Amino acid sequence: MAISFTLSIINRLKKEITETQQRSIDEQKKKEKALSKINQLQRDIKISSSPSDLSSKMSRLSKLKDEINKINLLQVELSKQLVLKNAALKEQISKDQQQENKN
């Protein structure tokens, strides 16, 4: 009973780790897209002649920078979660091995 319980925890942690890693990859892709848009906007701002167009681009630039800041914070949080989940996984694997050695 205890072994199957430990194995279910191990499997759940592995799944959570995979999901967290995928989410981190997805957020990195969003960040790269936002950075690309920022670079394009910065080039457009340099050649822009219309004040209203410039204002619109500056507003969009500001929103993209905010988005990148949010993504950075989320990536830090995801990294922390990965560290904790990997530590929990190692602990569960160790428990599982100890139980196997007793049997």
C-alpha atoms as a PDB file:
ATOM      1  CA  MET A   1       0.000   0.000   0.000  1.00  0.00           C
ATOM      2  CA  ALA A   2       2.688   2.475   0.977  1.00  0.00           C
ATOM      3  CA  ILE A   3       4.750   1.735  -2.110  1.00  0.00           C
ATOM      4  CA  SER A   4       1.869   2.394  -4.500  1.00  0.00           C
ATOM      5  CA  PHE A   5       1.092   5.600  -2.607  1.00  0.00           C
ATOM      6  CA  THR A   6       4.703   6.747  -2.974  1.00  0.00           C
ATOM      7  CA  LEU A   7       4.680   5.832  -6.647  1.00  0.00           C
ATOM      8  CA  SER A   8       1.498   7.829  -7.229  1.00  0.00           C
ATOM      9  CA  ILE A   9       3.132  10.852  -5.567  1.00  0.00           C
ATOM     10  CA  ILE A  10       6.230  10.374  -7.743  1.00  0.00           C
ATOM     11  CA  ASN A  11       4.112  10.177 -10.895  1.00  0.00           C
ATOM     12  CA  ARG A  12       2.111  13.246  -9.904  1.00  0.00           C
ATOM     13  CA  LEU A  13       5.289  15.226  -9.216  1.00  0.00           C
ATOM     14  CA  LYS A  14       6.794  14.175 -12.541  1.00  0.00           C
ATOM     15  CA  LYS A  15       3.643  15.320 -14.316  1.00  0.00           C
ATOM     16  CA  GLU A  16       3.630  18.638 -12.452  1.00  0.00           C
ATOM     17  CA  ILE A  17       7.310  19.189 -13.237  1.00  0.00           C
ATOM     18  CA  THR A  18       6.691  18.521 -16.933  1.00  0.00           C
ATOM     19  CA  GLU A  19       3.722  20.906 -16.959  1.00  0.00           C
ATOM     20  CA  THR A  20       5.689  23.607 -15.161  1.00  0.00           C
ATOM     21  CA  GLN A  21       8.617  23.226 -17.557  1.00  0.00           C
ATOM     22  CA  GLN A  22       6.258  23.487 -20.540  1.00  0.00           C
ATOM     23  CA  ARG A  23       4.630  26.580 -19.076  1.00  0.00           C
ATOM     24  CA  SER A  24       8.058  28.128 -18.597  1.00  0.00           C
ATOM     25  CA  ILE A  25       8.926  27.385 -22.235  1.00  0.00           C
ATOM     26  CA  ASP A  26       5.618  28.904 -23.367  1.00  0.00           C
ATOM     27  CA  GLU A  27       6.279  32.045 -21.312  1.00  0.00           C
ATOM     28  CA  GLN A  28       9.773  32.311 -22.796  1.00  0.00           C
ATOM     29  CA  LYS A  29       8.257  32.190 -26.282  1.00  0.00           C
ATOM     30  CA  LYS A  30       5.793  34.952 -25.327  1.00  0.00           C
ATOM     31  CA  LYS A  31       8.686  37.006 -24.013  1.00  0.00           C
ATOM     32  CA  GLU A  32      10.666  36.543 -27.224  1.00  0.00           C
ATOM     33  CA  LYS A  33       7.654  37.627 -29.300  1.00  0.00           C
ATOM     34  CA  ALA A  34       7.144  40.687 -27.103  1.00  0.00           C
ATOM     35  CA  LEU A  35      10.839  41.601 -27.401  1.00  0.00           C
ATOM     36  CA  SER A  36      10.611  41.252 -31.160  1.00  0.00           C
ATOM     37  CA  LYS A  37       7.582  43.548 -31.212  1.00  0.00           C
ATOM     38  CA  ILE A  38       9.420  46.046 -29.009  1.00  0.00           C
ATOM     39  CA  ASN A  39      12.369  46.085 -31.410  1.00  0.00           C
ATOM     40  CA  GLN A  40      10.039  46.621 -34.352  1.00  0.00           C
ATOM     41  CA  LEU A  41       8.187  49.419 -32.544  1.00  0.00           C
ATOM     42  CA  GLN A  42      11.465  51.112 -31.649  1.00  0.00           C
ATOM     43  CA  ARG A  43      12.475  51.068 -35.317  1.00  0.00           C
ATOM     44  CA  ASP A  44       9.042  52.398 -36.308  1.00  0.00           C
ATOM     45  CA  ILE A  45       9.236  55.161 -33.699  1.00  0.00           C
ATOM     46  CA  LYS A  46      12.504  56.396 -35.193  1.00  0.00           C
ATOM     47  CA  ILE A  47      10.921  56.834 -38.614  1.00  0.00           C
ATOM     48  CA  SER A  48       7.479  57.950 -37.423  1.00  0.00           C
ATOM     49  CA  SER A  49       6.452  61.498 -38.320  1.00  0.00           C
ATOM     50  CA  SER A  50       2.898  61.655 -36.988  1.00  0.00           C
ATOM     51  CA  PRO A  51       2.527  62.722 -33.323  1.00  0.00           C
ATOM     52  CA  SER A  52      -0.608  60.600 -32.864  1.00  0.00           C
ATOM     53  CA  ASP A  53       1.125  57.597 -34.437  1.00  0.00           C
ATOM     54  CA  LEU A  54       4.110  58.168 -32.183  1.00  0.00           C
ATOM     55  CA  SER A  55       1.879  58.367 -29.121  1.00  0.00           C
ATOM     56  CA  SER A  56       0.134  55.137 -30.081  1.00  0.00           C
ATOM     57  CA  LYS A  57       3.449  53.347 -30.589  1.00  0.00           C
ATOM     58  CA  MET A  58       4.838  54.634 -27.294  1.00  0.00           C
ATOM     59  CA  SER A  59       1.713  53.379 -25.540  1.00  0.00           C
ATOM     60  CA  ARG A  60       2.072  49.968 -27.157  1.00  0.00           C
ATOM     61  CA  LEU A  61       5.764  49.925 -26.253  1.00  0.00           C
ATOM     62  CA  SER A  62       4.901  50.624 -22.632  1.00  0.00           C
ATOM     63  CA  LYS A  63       2.334  47.805 -22.571  1.00  0.00           C
ATOM     64  CA  LEU A  64       4.833  45.367 -24.057  1.00  0.00           C
ATOM     65  CA  LYS A  65       7.447  46.296 -21.465  1.00  0.00           C
ATOM     66  CA  ASP A  66       4.868  45.716 -18.721  1.00  0.00           C
ATOM     67  CA  GLU A  67       4.055  42.348 -20.271  1.00  0.00           C
ATOM     68  CA  ILE A  68       7.736  41.395 -20.260  1.00  0.00           C
ATOM     69  CA  ASN A  69       8.045  42.390 -16.605  1.00  0.00           C
ATOM     70  CA  LYS A  70       5.059  40.180 -15.742  1.00  0.00           C
ATOM     71  CA  ILE A  71       6.547  37.307 -17.717  1.00  0.00           C
ATOM     72  CA  ASN A  72       9.883  37.733 -15.903  1.00  0.00           C
ATOM     73  CA  LEU A  73       8.128  37.590 -12.529  1.00  0.00           C
ATOM     74  CA  LEU A  74       6.160  34.532 -13.599  1.00  0.00           C
ATOM     75  CA  GLN A  75       9.328  32.811 -14.818  1.00  0.00           C
ATOM     76  CA  VAL A  76      10.980  33.436 -11.455  1.00  0.00           C
ATOM     77  CA  GLU A  77       7.954  31.907  -9.735  1.00  0.00           C
ATOM     78  CA  LEU A  78       7.968  28.933 -12.107  1.00  0.00           C
ATOM     79  CA  SER A  79      11.675  28.407 -11.434  1.00  0.00           C
ATOM     80  CA  LYS A  80      11.010  28.374  -7.699  1.00  0.00           C
ATOM     81  CA  GLN A  81       8.203  25.863  -8.202  1.00  0.00           C
ATOM     82  CA  LEU A  82      10.487  23.648 -10.265  1.00  0.00           C
ATOM     83  CA  VAL A  83      13.157  23.684  -7.580  1.00  0.00           C
ATOM     84  CA  LEU A  84      10.620  22.749  -4.896  1.00  0.00           C
ATOM     85  CA  LYS A  85       8.983  20.045  -7.011  1.00  0.00           C
ATOM     86  CA  ASN A  86      12.322  18.534  -8.008  1.00  0.00           C
ATOM     87  CA  ALA A  87      13.361  18.460  -4.356  1.00  0.00           C
ATOM     88  CA  ALA A  88      10.064  16.811  -3.410  1.00  0.00           C
ATOM     89  CA  LEU A  89      10.513  14.298  -6.231  1.00  0.00           C
ATOM     90  CA  LYS A  90      14.021  13.395  -5.048  1.00  0.00           C
ATOM     91  CA  GLU A  91      12.684  12.953  -1.520  1.00  0.00           C
ATOM     92  CA  GLN A  92       9.862  10.682  -2.717  1.00  0.00           C
ATOM     93  CA  ILE A  93      12.223   8.634  -4.876  1.00  0.00           C
ATOM     94  CA  SER A  94      14.496   8.223  -1.864  1.00  0.00           C
ATOM     95  CA  LYS A  95      11.536   7.085   0.261  1.00  0.00           C
ATOM     96  CA  ASP A  96      10.490   4.662  -2.461  1.00  0.00           C
ATOM     97  CA  GLN A  97      13.987   3.183  -2.635  1.00  0.00           C
ATOM     98  CA  GLN A  98      14.120   2.828   1.158  1.00  0.00           C
ATOM     99  CA  GLN A  99      10.797   1.008   1.116  1.00  0.00           C
ATOM    100  CA  GLU A 100      12.004  -1.300  -1.644  1.00  0.00           C
ATOM    101  CA  ASN A 101      15.157  -2.076   0.347  1.00  0.00           C
ATOM    102  CA  LYS A 102      13.074  -3.018   3.383  1.00  0.00           C
ATOM    103  CA  ASN A 103      11.070  -5.462   1.312  1.00  0.00           C
END
